[in-house]
Amino acid sequence: MDINRITEVVIACAFRVHNTLGAGFLEKVYEKAMMIELESTDLLAKPQFPVPVFYKGIKIGDYYADILINDCLIVELKTVENITVAHEKQLINYLAATNIENGLLINFGTSVQIKRKFKTYRPKS
């Protein structure tokens, strides 16, 4: 399945979750609901995917992306009033720290907000 179709399926799952639960729950509730929705698709979803962080070639810790889909899409969930630049940068950092090129930032606020992010490559000088 190509990345655009995978993204469409994940977004449809997010809208089903929000239509069922509405707003106001903690992020973990939406994550568990998303996993239930994703199980009904042909996608392989892994919750709390570890993303190692390196500094000068030394591993200094791990972050955990909310959901990894088909080893090619990182999904980061939020439950805030509005998505901020800091939320977008978090997802961009996950993409930069992995070999994964596509990400979705999904906010379960008063309505579903979605931002799609792509890994950007910086040419070596």
PDB file of N, CA and C in Angstrom:
ATOM      1  N   MET A   1       0.856  -1.180   0.000  1.00  0.00           N
ATOM      2  CA  MET A   1       0.000   0.000   0.000  1.00  0.00           C
ATOM      3  C   MET A   1       0.900   1.241   0.000  1.00  0.00           C
ATOM      4  N   ASP A   2       0.587   2.206  -0.835  1.00  0.00           N
ATOM      5  CA  ASP A   2       1.432   3.401  -0.907  1.00  0.00           C
ATOM      6  C   ASP A   2       1.142   4.345   0.267  1.00  0.00           C
ATOM      7  N   ILE A   3       2.065   5.262   0.512  1.00  0.00           N
ATOM      8  CA  ILE A   3       2.005   6.144   1.683  1.00  0.00           C
ATOM      9  C   ILE A   3       0.761   7.026   1.686  1.00  0.00           C
ATOM     10  N   ASN A   4       0.309   7.449   0.511  1.00  0.00           N
ATOM     11  CA  ASN A   4      -0.892   8.289   0.472  1.00  0.00           C
ATOM     12  C   ASN A   4      -2.120   7.513   0.925  1.00  0.00           C
ATOM     13  N   ARG A   5      -2.229   6.260   0.517  1.00  0.00           N
ATOM     14  CA  ARG A   5      -3.369   5.426   0.943  1.00  0.00           C
ATOM     15  C   ARG A   5      -3.268   5.123   2.441  1.00  0.00           C
ATOM     16  N   ILE A   6      -2.073   4.830   2.912  1.00  0.00           N
ATOM     17  CA  ILE A   6      -1.880   4.581   4.350  1.00  0.00           C
ATOM     18  C   ILE A   6      -2.329   5.803   5.143  1.00  0.00           C
ATOM     19  N   THR A   7      -1.911   6.978   4.697  1.00  0.00           N
ATOM     20  CA  THR A   7      -2.272   8.228   5.372  1.00  0.00           C
ATOM     21  C   THR A   7      -3.786   8.421   5.387  1.00  0.00           C
ATOM     22  N   GLU A   8      -4.441   8.158   4.278  1.00  0.00           N
ATOM     23  CA  GLU A   8      -5.903   8.279   4.209  1.00  0.00           C
ATOM     24  C   GLU A   8      -6.590   7.367   5.224  1.00  0.00           C
ATOM     25  N   VAL A   9      -6.114   6.126   5.328  1.00  0.00           N
ATOM     26  CA  VAL A   9      -6.709   5.169   6.267  1.00  0.00           C
ATOM     27  C   VAL A   9      -6.523   5.639   7.701  1.00  0.00           C
ATOM     28  N   VAL A  10      -5.330   6.122   8.038  1.00  0.00           N
ATOM     29  CA  VAL A  10      -5.060   6.600   9.402  1.00  0.00           C
ATOM     30  C   VAL A  10      -5.935   7.806   9.728  1.00  0.00           C
ATOM     31  N   ILE A  11      -6.067   8.730   8.799  1.00  0.00           N
ATOM     32  CA  ILE A  11      -6.901   9.915   9.029  1.00  0.00           C
ATOM     33  C   ILE A  11      -8.358   9.507   9.212  1.00  0.00           C
ATOM     34  N   ALA A  12      -8.835   8.566   8.417  1.00  0.00           N
ATOM     35  CA  ALA A  12     -10.216   8.081   8.580  1.00  0.00           C
ATOM     36  C   ALA A  12     -10.406   7.472   9.964  1.00  0.00           C
ATOM     37  N   CYS A  13      -9.415   6.727  10.445  1.00  0.00           N
ATOM     38  CA  CYS A  13      -9.486   6.156  11.799  1.00  0.00           C
ATOM     39  C   CYS A  13      -9.572   7.262  12.844  1.00  0.00           C
ATOM     40  N   ALA A  14      -8.784   8.311  12.664  1.00  0.00           N
ATOM     41  CA  ALA A  14      -8.785   9.425  13.617  1.00  0.00           C
ATOM     42  C   ALA A  14     -10.161  10.084  13.682  1.00  0.00           C
ATOM     43  N   PHE A  15     -10.786  10.283  12.545  1.00  0.00           N
ATOM     44  CA  PHE A  15     -12.119  10.894  12.544  1.00  0.00           C
ATOM     45  C   PHE A  15     -13.149   9.969  13.186  1.00  0.00           C
ATOM     46  N   ARG A  16     -13.046   8.660  12.972  1.00  0.00           N
ATOM     47  CA  ARG A  16     -13.978   7.727  13.633  1.00  0.00           C
ATOM     48  C   ARG A  16     -13.801   7.789  15.152  1.00  0.00           C
ATOM     49  N   VAL A  17     -12.541   7.829  15.600  1.00  0.00           N
ATOM     50  CA  VAL A  17     -12.276   7.924  17.036  1.00  0.00           C
ATOM     51  C   VAL A  17     -12.877   9.211  17.600  1.00  0.00           C
ATOM     52  N   HIS A  18     -12.631  10.323  16.951  1.00  0.00           N
ATOM     53  CA  HIS A  18     -13.137  11.602  17.464  1.00  0.00           C
ATOM     54  C   HIS A  18     -14.662  11.658  17.418  1.00  0.00           C
ATOM     55  N   ASN A  19     -15.252  11.125  16.367  1.00  0.00           N
ATOM     56  CA  ASN A  19     -16.715  11.111  16.283  1.00  0.00           C
ATOM     57  C   ASN A  19     -17.331  10.263  17.383  1.00  0.00           C
ATOM     58  N   THR A  20     -16.635   9.228  17.808  1.00  0.00           N
ATOM     59  CA  THR A  20     -17.141   8.353  18.865  1.00  0.00           C
ATOM     60  C   THR A  20     -16.882   8.925  20.256  1.00  0.00           C
ATOM     61  N   LEU A  21     -15.651   9.386  20.505  1.00  0.00           N
ATOM     62  CA  LEU A  21     -15.281   9.847  21.844  1.00  0.00           C
ATOM     63  C   LEU A  21     -15.524  11.334  22.077  1.00  0.00           C
ATOM     64  N   GLY A  22     -15.430  12.125  21.022  1.00  0.00           N
ATOM     65  CA  GLY A  22     -15.509  13.568  21.198  1.00  0.00           C
ATOM     66  C   GLY A  22     -14.208  14.096  21.783  1.00  0.00           C
ATOM     67  N   ALA A  23     -14.256  15.300  22.285  1.00  0.00           N
ATOM     68  CA  ALA A  23     -13.073  15.959  22.844  1.00  0.00           C
ATOM     69  C   ALA A  23     -13.018  15.775  24.354  1.00  0.00           C
ATOM     70  N   GLY A  24     -11.829  16.023  24.921  1.00  0.00           N
ATOM     71  CA  GLY A  24     -11.711  16.117  26.372  1.00  0.00           C
ATOM     72  C   GLY A  24     -11.000  14.994  27.079  1.00  0.00           C
ATOM     73  N   PHE A  25     -10.618  13.936  26.388  1.00  0.00           N
ATOM     74  CA  PHE A  25      -9.908  12.847  27.041  1.00  0.00           C
ATOM     75  C   PHE A  25      -8.398  13.079  26.974  1.00  0.00           C
ATOM     76  N   LEU A  26      -7.663  12.325  27.757  1.00  0.00           N
ATOM     77  CA  LEU A  26      -6.211  12.369  27.712  1.00  0.00           C
ATOM     78  C   LEU A  26      -5.703  11.690  26.451  1.00  0.00           C
ATOM     79  N   GLU A  27      -4.488  12.042  26.071  1.00  0.00           N
ATOM     80  CA  GLU A  27      -3.877  11.501  24.862  1.00  0.00           C
ATOM     81  C   GLU A  27      -3.870   9.973  24.848  1.00  0.00           C
ATOM     82  N   LYS A  28      -3.593   9.346  25.983  1.00  0.00           N
ATOM     83  CA  LYS A  28      -3.501   7.883  26.063  1.00  0.00           C
ATOM     84  C   LYS A  28      -4.827   7.221  25.674  1.00  0.00           C
ATOM     85  N   VAL A  29      -5.946   7.850  25.999  1.00  0.00           N
ATOM     86  CA  VAL A  29      -7.266   7.308  25.642  1.00  0.00           C
ATOM     87  C   VAL A  29      -7.406   7.283  24.121  1.00  0.00           C
ATOM     88  N   TYR A  30      -7.029   8.373  23.469  1.00  0.00           N
ATOM     89  CA  TYR A  30      -7.120   8.436  22.013  1.00  0.00           C
ATOM     90  C   TYR A  30      -6.138   7.462  21.360  1.00  0.00           C
ATOM     91  N   GLU A  31      -4.971   7.299  21.956  1.00  0.00           N
ATOM     92  CA  GLU A  31      -4.006   6.339  21.421  1.00  0.00           C
ATOM     93  C   GLU A  31      -4.581   4.923  21.446  1.00  0.00           C
ATOM     94  N   LYS A  32      -5.185   4.541  22.559  1.00  0.00           N
ATOM     95  CA  LYS A  32      -5.767   3.199  22.663  1.00  0.00           C
ATOM     96  C   LYS A  32      -6.934   3.028  21.692  1.00  0.00           C
ATOM     97  N   ALA A  33      -7.746   4.065  21.545  1.00  0.00           N
ATOM     98  CA  ALA A  33      -8.860   4.005  20.597  1.00  0.00           C
ATOM     99  C   ALA A  33      -8.343   3.911  19.164  1.00  0.00           C
ATOM    100  N   MET A  34      -7.280   4.668  18.848  1.00  0.00           N
ATOM    101  CA  MET A  34      -6.683   4.592  17.516  1.00  0.00           C
ATOM    102  C   MET A  34      -6.161   3.178  17.250  1.00  0.00           C
ATOM    103  N   MET A  35      -5.544   2.552  18.227  1.00  0.00           N
ATOM    104  CA  MET A  35      -5.040   1.196  18.037  1.00  0.00           C
ATOM    105  C   MET A  35      -6.185   0.231  17.743  1.00  0.00           C
ATOM    106  N   ILE A  36      -7.324   0.399  18.411  1.00  0.00           N
ATOM    107  CA  ILE A  36      -8.492  -0.447  18.137  1.00  0.00           C
ATOM    108  C   ILE A  36      -8.975  -0.227  16.703  1.00  0.00           C
ATOM    109  N   GLU A  37      -9.073   1.032  16.285  1.00  0.00           N
ATOM    110  CA  GLU A  37      -9.488   1.329  14.910  1.00  0.00           C
ATOM    111  C   GLU A  37      -8.498   0.772  13.895  1.00  0.00           C
ATOM    112  N   LEU A  38      -7.215   0.941  14.161  1.00  0.00           N
ATOM    113  CA  LEU A  38      -6.193   0.483  13.227  1.00  0.00           C
ATOM    114  C   LEU A  38      -6.161  -1.042  13.110  1.00  0.00           C
ATOM    115  N   GLU A  39      -6.521  -1.745  14.178  1.00  0.00           N
ATOM    116  CA  GLU A  39      -6.580  -3.205  14.134  1.00  0.00           C
ATOM    117  C   GLU A  39      -7.620  -3.696  13.134  1.00  0.00           C
ATOM    118  N   SER A  40      -8.631  -2.873  12.846  1.00  0.00           N
ATOM    119  CA  SER A  40      -9.674  -3.273  11.898  1.00  0.00           C
ATOM    120  C   SER A  40      -9.271  -2.983  10.449  1.00  0.00           C
ATOM    121  N   THR A  41      -8.054  -2.490  10.237  1.00  0.00           N
ATOM    122  CA  THR A  41      -7.542  -2.212   8.893  1.00  0.00           C
ATOM    123  C   THR A  41      -6.467  -3.245   8.557  1.00  0.00           C
ATOM    124  N   ASP A  42      -5.922  -3.142   7.380  1.00  0.00           N
ATOM    125  CA  ASP A  42      -4.819  -4.038   7.019  1.00  0.00           C
ATOM    126  C   ASP A  42      -3.465  -3.410   7.290  1.00  0.00           C
ATOM    127  N   LEU A  43      -3.430  -2.391   8.153  1.00  0.00           N
ATOM    128  CA  LEU A  43      -2.182  -1.731   8.523  1.00  0.00           C
ATOM    129  C   LEU A  43      -1.569  -2.384   9.755  1.00  0.00           C
ATOM    130  N   LEU A  44      -0.253  -2.359   9.826  1.00  0.00           N
ATOM    131  CA  LEU A  44       0.468  -2.844  11.004  1.00  0.00           C
ATOM    132  C   LEU A  44       0.820  -1.638  11.862  1.00  0.00           C
ATOM    133  N   ALA A  45       0.214  -1.545  13.028  1.00  0.00           N
ATOM    134  CA  ALA A  45       0.412  -0.404  13.925  1.00  0.00           C
ATOM    135  C   ALA A  45       1.152  -0.851  15.178  1.00  0.00           C
ATOM    136  N   LYS A  46       2.199  -0.080  15.527  1.00  0.00           N
ATOM    137  CA  LYS A  46       2.980  -0.354  16.738  1.00  0.00           C
ATOM    138  C   LYS A  46       2.898   0.857  17.649  1.00  0.00           C
ATOM    139  N   PRO A  47       2.327   0.695  18.852  1.00  0.00           N
ATOM    140  CA  PRO A  47       2.254   1.844  19.782  1.00  0.00           C
ATOM    141  C   PRO A  47       3.588   2.065  20.495  1.00  0.00           C
ATOM    142  N   GLN A  48       3.812   3.319  20.895  1.00  0.00           N
ATOM    143  CA  GLN A  48       4.988   3.691  21.692  1.00  0.00           C
ATOM    144  C   GLN A  48       6.287   3.171  21.084  1.00  0.00           C
ATOM    145  N   PHE A  49       6.520   3.572  19.846  1.00  0.00           N
ATOM    146  CA  PHE A  49       7.702   3.164  19.098  1.00  0.00           C
ATOM    147  C   PHE A  49       8.912   3.961  19.572  1.00  0.00           C
ATOM    148  N   PRO A  50       9.984   3.280  20.032  1.00  0.00           N
ATOM    149  CA  PRO A  50      11.151   4.013  20.544  1.00  0.00           C
ATOM    150  C   PRO A  50      11.942   4.702  19.433  1.00  0.00           C
ATOM    151  N   VAL A  51      12.297   5.943  19.685  1.00  0.00           N
ATOM    152  CA  VAL A  51      13.111   6.738  18.761  1.00  0.00           C
ATOM    153  C   VAL A  51      14.371   7.140  19.516  1.00  0.00           C
ATOM    154  N   PRO A  52      15.506   6.524  19.194  1.00  0.00           N
ATOM    155  CA  PRO A  52      16.733   6.862  19.913  1.00  0.00           C
ATOM    156  C   PRO A  52      17.229   8.260  19.545  1.00  0.00           C
ATOM    157  N   VAL A  53      17.826   8.925  20.525  1.00  0.00           N
ATOM    158  CA  VAL A  53      18.381  10.262  20.317  1.00  0.00           C
ATOM    159  C   VAL A  53      19.888  10.180  20.553  1.00  0.00           C
ATOM    160  N   PHE A  54      20.632  10.716  19.584  1.00  0.00           N
ATOM    161  CA  PHE A  54      22.096  10.688  19.661  1.00  0.00           C
ATOM    162  C   PHE A  54      22.637  12.103  19.737  1.00  0.00           C
ATOM    163  N   TYR A  55      23.737  12.233  20.452  1.00  0.00           N
ATOM    164  CA  TYR A  55      24.479  13.493  20.524  1.00  0.00           C
ATOM    165  C   TYR A  55      25.930  13.160  20.258  1.00  0.00           C
ATOM    166  N   LYS A  56      26.475  13.726  19.186  1.00  0.00           N
ATOM    167  CA  LYS A  56      27.854  13.458  18.783  1.00  0.00           C
ATOM    168  C   LYS A  56      28.130  11.959  18.703  1.00  0.00           C
ATOM    169  N   GLY A  57      27.161  11.228  18.147  1.00  0.00           N
ATOM    170  CA  GLY A  57      27.320   9.801  17.942  1.00  0.00           C
ATOM    171  C   GLY A  57      27.088   8.937  19.162  1.00  0.00           C
ATOM    172  N   ILE A  58      26.722   9.548  20.281  1.00  0.00           N
ATOM    173  CA  ILE A  58      26.484   8.799  21.515  1.00  0.00           C
ATOM    174  C   ILE A  58      24.994   8.822  21.829  1.00  0.00           C
ATOM    175  N   LYS A  59      24.429   7.640  22.056  1.00  0.00           N
ATOM    176  CA  LYS A  59      23.011   7.567  22.402  1.00  0.00           C
ATOM    177  C   LYS A  59      22.804   8.169  23.786  1.00  0.00           C
ATOM    178  N   ILE A  60      21.914   9.161  23.852  1.00  0.00           N
ATOM    179  CA  ILE A  60      21.676   9.839  25.134  1.00  0.00           C
ATOM    180  C   ILE A  60      20.272   9.614  25.660  1.00  0.00           C
ATOM    181  N   GLY A  61      19.449   8.888  24.911  1.00  0.00           N
ATOM    182  CA  GLY A  61      18.109   8.611  25.403  1.00  0.00           C
ATOM    183  C   GLY A  61      17.176   8.165  24.289  1.00  0.00           C
ATOM    184  N   ASP A  62      15.940   7.950  24.672  1.00  0.00           N
ATOM    185  CA  ASP A  62      14.895   7.560  23.735  1.00  0.00           C
ATOM    186  C   ASP A  62      13.684   8.450  23.931  1.00  0.00           C
ATOM    187  N   TYR A  63      13.067   8.798  22.831  1.00  0.00           N
ATOM    188  CA  TYR A  63      11.726   9.363  22.843  1.00  0.00           C
ATOM    189  C   TYR A  63      10.815   8.259  22.352  1.00  0.00           C
ATOM    190  N   TYR A  64       9.532   8.404  22.537  1.00  0.00           N
ATOM    191  CA  TYR A  64       8.591   7.388  22.083  1.00  0.00           C
ATOM    192  C   TYR A  64       7.523   8.034  21.224  1.00  0.00           C
ATOM    193  N   ALA A  65       7.547   7.683  19.931  1.00  0.00           N
ATOM    194  CA  ALA A  65       6.502   8.143  19.021  1.00  0.00           C
ATOM    195  C   ALA A  65       5.230   7.373  19.368  1.00  0.00           C
ATOM    196  N   ASP A  66       4.095   8.035  19.297  1.00  0.00           N
ATOM    197  CA  ASP A  66       2.847   7.407  19.729  1.00  0.00           C
ATOM    198  C   ASP A  66       2.518   6.139  18.939  1.00  0.00           C
ATOM    199  N   ILE A  67       2.562   6.208  17.606  1.00  0.00           N
ATOM    200  CA  ILE A  67       2.225   5.037  16.794  1.00  0.00           C
ATOM    201  C   ILE A  67       3.109   5.030  15.540  1.00  0.00           C
ATOM    202  N   LEU A  68       3.624   3.862  15.202  1.00  0.00           N
ATOM    203  CA  LEU A  68       4.332   3.656  13.946  1.00  0.00           C
ATOM    204  C   LEU A  68       3.451   2.768  13.076  1.00  0.00           C
ATOM    205  N   ILE A  69       3.198   3.208  11.853  1.00  0.00           N
ATOM    206  CA  ILE A  69       2.332   2.478  10.925  1.00  0.00           C
ATOM    207  C   ILE A  69       3.183   1.903   9.795  1.00  0.00           C
ATOM    208  N   ASN A  70       3.074   0.580   9.584  1.00  0.00           N
ATOM    209  CA  ASN A  70       3.730  -0.111   8.465  1.00  0.00           C
ATOM    210  C   ASN A  70       5.215   0.250   8.320  1.00  0.00           C
ATOM    211  N   ASP A  71       5.850   0.599   9.406  1.00  0.00           N
ATOM    212  CA  ASP A  71       7.276   0.966   9.406  1.00  0.00           C
ATOM    213  C   ASP A  71       7.596   2.123   8.457  1.00  0.00           C
ATOM    214  N   CYS A  72       6.573   2.931   8.103  1.00  0.00           N
ATOM    215  CA  CYS A  72       6.833   4.025   7.156  1.00  0.00           C
ATOM    216  C   CYS A  72       6.102   5.324   7.498  1.00  0.00           C
ATOM    217  N   LEU A  73       5.329   5.339   8.585  1.00  0.00           N
ATOM    218  CA  LEU A  73       4.578   6.541   8.959  1.00  0.00           C
ATOM    219  C   LEU A  73       4.555   6.674  10.477  1.00  0.00           C
ATOM    220  N   ILE A  74       5.083   7.784  10.979  1.00  0.00           N
ATOM    221  CA  ILE A  74       5.010   8.070  12.414  1.00  0.00           C
ATOM    222  C   ILE A  74       3.768   8.922  12.658  1.00  0.00           C
ATOM    223  N   VAL A  75       2.967   8.499  13.636  1.00  0.00           N
ATOM    224  CA  VAL A  75       1.769   9.249  14.017  1.00  0.00           C
ATOM    225  C   VAL A  75       1.970   9.751  15.435  1.00  0.00           C
ATOM    226  N   GLU A  76       1.927  11.057  15.592  1.00  0.00           N
ATOM    227  CA  GLU A  76       2.053  11.690  16.904  1.00  0.00           C
ATOM    228  C   GLU A  76       0.698  12.291  17.256  1.00  0.00           C
ATOM    229  N   LEU A  77       0.186  11.941  18.422  1.00  0.00           N
ATOM    230  CA  LEU A  77      -1.135  12.382  18.860  1.00  0.00           C
ATOM    231  C   LEU A  77      -1.021  13.490  19.893  1.00  0.00           C
ATOM    232  N   LYS A  78      -1.964  14.416  19.849  1.00  0.00           N
ATOM    233  CA  LYS A  78      -2.048  15.503  20.822  1.00  0.00           C
ATOM    234  C   LYS A  78      -3.496  15.687  21.237  1.00  0.00           C
ATOM    235  N   THR A  79      -3.675  16.298  22.393  1.00  0.00           N
ATOM    236  CA  THR A  79      -5.012  16.669  22.878  1.00  0.00           C
ATOM    237  C   THR A  79      -4.928  18.097  23.418  1.00  0.00           C
ATOM    238  N   VAL A  80      -4.703  19.019  22.508  1.00  0.00           N
ATOM    239  CA  VAL A  80      -4.513  20.417  22.871  1.00  0.00           C
ATOM    240  C   VAL A  80      -5.530  21.283  22.120  1.00  0.00           C
ATOM    241  N   GLU A  81      -5.637  22.530  22.539  1.00  0.00           N
ATOM    242  CA  GLU A  81      -6.572  23.427  21.865  1.00  0.00           C
ATOM    243  C   GLU A  81      -6.178  23.638  20.407  1.00  0.00           C
ATOM    244  N   ASN A  82      -4.889  23.871  20.170  1.00  0.00           N
ATOM    245  CA  ASN A  82      -4.376  24.055  18.814  1.00  0.00           C
ATOM    246  C   ASN A  82      -2.973  23.491  18.707  1.00  0.00           C
ATOM    247  N   ILE A  83      -2.642  22.968  17.557  1.00  0.00           N
ATOM    248  CA  ILE A  83      -1.291  22.497  17.279  1.00  0.00           C
ATOM    249  C   ILE A  83      -0.359  23.709  17.221  1.00  0.00           C
ATOM    250  N   THR A  84       0.806  23.571  17.857  1.00  0.00           N
ATOM    251  CA  THR A  84       1.786  24.659  17.847  1.00  0.00           C
ATOM    252  C   THR A  84       3.018  24.252  17.042  1.00  0.00           C
ATOM    253  N   VAL A  85       3.894  25.203  16.823  1.00  0.00           N
ATOM    254  CA  VAL A  85       5.156  24.928  16.138  1.00  0.00           C
ATOM    255  C   VAL A  85       5.974  23.914  16.935  1.00  0.00           C
ATOM    256  N   ALA A  86       5.920  23.979  18.255  1.00  0.00           N
ATOM    257  CA  ALA A  86       6.663  23.027  19.092  1.00  0.00           C
ATOM    258  C   ALA A  86       6.179  21.593  18.848  1.00  0.00           C
ATOM    259  N   HIS A  87       4.882  21.401  18.679  1.00  0.00           N
ATOM    260  CA  HIS A  87       4.348  20.063  18.378  1.00  0.00           C
ATOM    261  C   HIS A  87       4.853  19.580  17.024  1.00  0.00           C
ATOM    262  N   GLU A  88       4.865  20.479  16.043  1.00  0.00           N
ATOM    263  CA  GLU A  88       5.345  20.124  14.711  1.00  0.00           C
ATOM    264  C   GLU A  88       6.829  19.771  14.745  1.00  0.00           C
ATOM    265  N   LYS A  89       7.604  20.525  15.507  1.00  0.00           N
ATOM    266  CA  LYS A  89       9.042  20.257  15.615  1.00  0.00           C
ATOM    267  C   LYS A  89       9.304  18.904  16.273  1.00  0.00           C
ATOM    268  N   GLN A  90       8.470  18.523  17.229  1.00  0.00           N
ATOM    269  CA  GLN A  90       8.614  17.212  17.865  1.00  0.00           C
ATOM    270  C   GLN A  90       8.520  16.111  16.809  1.00  0.00           C
ATOM    271  N   LEU A  91       7.517  16.183  15.956  1.00  0.00           N
ATOM    272  CA  LEU A  91       7.362  15.180  14.899  1.00  0.00           C
ATOM    273  C   LEU A  91       8.518  15.241  13.905  1.00  0.00           C
ATOM    274  N   ILE A  92       8.935  16.426  13.544  1.00  0.00           N
ATOM    275  CA  ILE A  92      10.063  16.587  12.620  1.00  0.00           C
ATOM    276  C   ILE A  92      11.329  15.968  13.219  1.00  0.00           C
ATOM    277  N   ASN A  93      11.537  16.124  14.526  1.00  0.00           N
ATOM    278  CA  ASN A  93      12.691  15.516  15.188  1.00  0.00           C
ATOM    279  C   ASN A  93      12.613  13.990  15.148  1.00  0.00           C
ATOM    280  N   TYR A  94      11.409  13.426  15.325  1.00  0.00           N
ATOM    281  CA  TYR A  94      11.246  11.977  15.224  1.00  0.00           C
ATOM    282  C   TYR A  94      11.628  11.497  13.830  1.00  0.00           C
ATOM    283  N   LEU A  95      11.193  12.232  12.815  1.00  0.00           N
ATOM    284  CA  LEU A  95      11.529  11.857  11.441  1.00  0.00           C
ATOM    285  C   LEU A  95      13.033  11.962  11.215  1.00  0.00           C
ATOM    286  N   ALA A  96      13.643  13.024  11.731  1.00  0.00           N
ATOM    287  CA  ALA A  96      15.082  13.223  11.553  1.00  0.00           C
ATOM    288  C   ALA A  96      15.887  12.127  12.251  1.00  0.00           C
ATOM    289  N   ALA A  97      15.385  11.603  13.354  1.00  0.00           N
ATOM    290  CA  ALA A  97      16.113  10.603  14.135  1.00  0.00           C
ATOM    291  C   ALA A  97      15.923   9.179  13.605  1.00  0.00           C
ATOM    292  N   THR A  98      15.047   9.014  12.623  1.00  0.00           N
ATOM    293  CA  THR A  98      14.758   7.683  12.081  1.00  0.00           C
ATOM    294  C   THR A  98      14.978   7.677  10.576  1.00  0.00           C
ATOM    295  N   ASN A  99      14.776   6.543   9.987  1.00  0.00           N
ATOM    296  CA  ASN A  99      14.798   6.429   8.527  1.00  0.00           C
ATOM    297  C   ASN A  99      13.400   6.583   7.957  1.00  0.00           C
ATOM    298  N   ILE A 100      12.490   7.103   8.732  1.00  0.00           N
ATOM    299  CA  ILE A 100      11.090   7.249   8.319  1.00  0.00           C
ATOM    300  C   ILE A 100      10.908   8.641   7.724  1.00  0.00           C
ATOM    301  N   GLU A 101      10.248   8.703   6.587  1.00  0.00           N
ATOM    302  CA  GLU A 101      10.149   9.954   5.842  1.00  0.00           C
ATOM    303  C   GLU A 101       8.820  10.687   6.021  1.00  0.00           C
ATOM    304  N   ASN A 102       7.789  10.024   6.537  1.00  0.00           N
ATOM    305  CA  ASN A 102       6.454  10.624   6.607  1.00  0.00           C
ATOM    306  C   ASN A 102       5.910  10.598   8.025  1.00  0.00           C
ATOM    307  N   GLY A 103       5.225  11.683   8.374  1.00  0.00           N
ATOM    308  CA  GLY A 103       4.628  11.766   9.699  1.00  0.00           C
ATOM    309  C   GLY A 103       3.293  12.478   9.677  1.00  0.00           C
ATOM    310  N   LEU A 104       2.444  12.107  10.615  1.00  0.00           N
ATOM    311  CA  LEU A 104       1.167  12.782  10.820  1.00  0.00           C
ATOM    312  C   LEU A 104       1.094  13.252  12.260  1.00  0.00           C
ATOM    313  N   LEU A 105       0.713  14.490  12.432  1.00  0.00           N
ATOM    314  CA  LEU A 105       0.439  15.054  13.748  1.00  0.00           C
ATOM    315  C   LEU A 105      -1.074  15.196  13.827  1.00  0.00           C
ATOM    316  N   ILE A 106      -1.684  14.452  14.741  1.00  0.00           N
ATOM    317  CA  ILE A 106      -3.145  14.447  14.859  1.00  0.00           C
ATOM    318  C   ILE A 106      -3.526  14.989  16.224  1.00  0.00           C
ATOM    319  N   ASN A 107      -4.335  16.046  16.225  1.00  0.00           N
ATOM    320  CA  ASN A 107      -4.800  16.656  17.458  1.00  0.00           C
ATOM    321  C   ASN A 107      -6.284  16.352  17.652  1.00  0.00           C
ATOM    322  N   PHE A 108      -6.606  15.749  18.790  1.00  0.00           N
ATOM    323  CA  PHE A 108      -7.985  15.463  19.148  1.00  0.00           C
ATOM    324  C   PHE A 108      -8.502  16.562  20.069  1.00  0.00           C
ATOM    325  N   GLY A 109      -8.512  17.787  19.586  1.00  0.00           N
ATOM    326  CA  GLY A 109      -9.051  18.912  20.341  1.00  0.00           C
ATOM    327  C   GLY A 109     -10.556  18.978  20.139  1.00  0.00           C
ATOM    328  N   THR A 110     -11.077  20.181  20.054  1.00  0.00           N
ATOM    329  CA  THR A 110     -12.532  20.312  19.849  1.00  0.00           C
ATOM    330  C   THR A 110     -12.949  19.754  18.494  1.00  0.00           C
ATOM    331  N   SER A 111     -12.029  19.781  17.526  1.00  0.00           N
ATOM    332  CA  SER A 111     -12.217  19.076  16.256  1.00  0.00           C
ATOM    333  C   SER A 111     -10.869  18.450  15.904  1.00  0.00           C
ATOM    334  N   VAL A 112     -10.859  17.537  14.970  1.00  0.00           N
ATOM    335  CA  VAL A 112      -9.613  16.880  14.598  1.00  0.00           C
ATOM    336  C   VAL A 112      -8.786  17.838  13.741  1.00  0.00           C
ATOM    337  N   GLN A 113      -7.534  18.045  14.140  1.00  0.00           N
ATOM    338  CA  GLN A 113      -6.576  18.822  13.349  1.00  0.00           C
ATOM    339  C   GLN A 113      -5.480  17.869  12.911  1.00  0.00           C
ATOM    340  N   ILE A 114      -5.064  17.976  11.656  1.00  0.00           N
ATOM    341  CA  ILE A 114      -4.038  17.082  11.134  1.00  0.00           C
ATOM    342  C   ILE A 114      -2.999  17.891  10.379  1.00  0.00           C
ATOM    343  N   LYS A 115      -1.742  17.610  10.661  1.00  0.00           N
ATOM    344  CA  LYS A 115      -0.618  18.197   9.932  1.00  0.00           C
ATOM    345  C   LYS A 115       0.217  17.041   9.414  1.00  0.00           C
ATOM    346  N   ARG A 116       0.539  17.093   8.146  1.00  0.00           N
ATOM    347  CA  ARG A 116       1.395  16.070   7.548  1.00  0.00           C
ATOM    348  C   ARG A 116       2.795  16.652   7.416  1.00  0.00           C
ATOM    349  N   LYS A 117       3.773  15.888   7.840  1.00  0.00           N
ATOM    350  CA  LYS A 117       5.168  16.333   7.788  1.00  0.00           C
ATOM    351  C   LYS A 117       5.993  15.313   7.016  1.00  0.00           C
ATOM    352  N   PHE A 118       7.024  15.826   6.356  1.00  0.00           N
ATOM    353  CA  PHE A 118       7.936  14.996   5.578  1.00  0.00           C
ATOM    354  C   PHE A 118       9.350  15.247   6.052  1.00  0.00           C
ATOM    355  N   LYS A 119      10.164  14.199   6.014  1.00  0.00           N
ATOM    356  CA  LYS A 119      11.566  14.343   6.357  1.00  0.00           C
ATOM    357  C   LYS A 119      12.202  15.241   5.307  1.00  0.00           C
ATOM    358  N   THR A 120      12.939  16.232   5.747  1.00  0.00           N
ATOM    359  CA  THR A 120      13.645  17.113   4.815  1.00  0.00           C
ATOM    360  C   THR A 120      15.121  16.777   4.885  1.00  0.00           C
ATOM    361  N   TYR A 121      15.713  16.730   3.739  1.00  0.00           N
ATOM    362  CA  TYR A 121      17.131  16.407   3.659  1.00  0.00           C
ATOM    363  C   TYR A 121      17.930  17.674   3.484  1.00  0.00           C
ATOM    364  N   ARG A 122      18.989  17.782   4.238  1.00  0.00           N
ATOM    365  CA  ARG A 122      19.886  18.936   4.107  1.00  0.00           C
ATOM    366  C   ARG A 122      21.121  18.483   3.355  1.00  0.00           C
ATOM    367  N   PRO A 123      21.424  19.144   2.253  1.00  0.00           N
ATOM    368  CA  PRO A 123      22.633  18.744   1.515  1.00  0.00           C
ATOM    369  C   PRO A 123      23.880  19.000   2.356  1.00  0.00           C
ATOM    370  N   LYS A 124      24.847  18.101   2.262  1.00  0.00           N
ATOM    371  CA  LYS A 124      26.121  18.281   2.977  1.00  0.00           C
ATOM    372  C   LYS A 124      26.934  19.312   2.240  1.00  0.00           C
ATOM    373  N   SER A 125      27.540  20.229   2.987  1.00  0.00           N
ATOM    374  CA  SER A 125      28.350  21.266   2.330  1.00  0.00           C
ATOM    375  C   SER A 125      29.815  20.941   2.388  1.00  0.00           C
TER     376      SER A 125
END
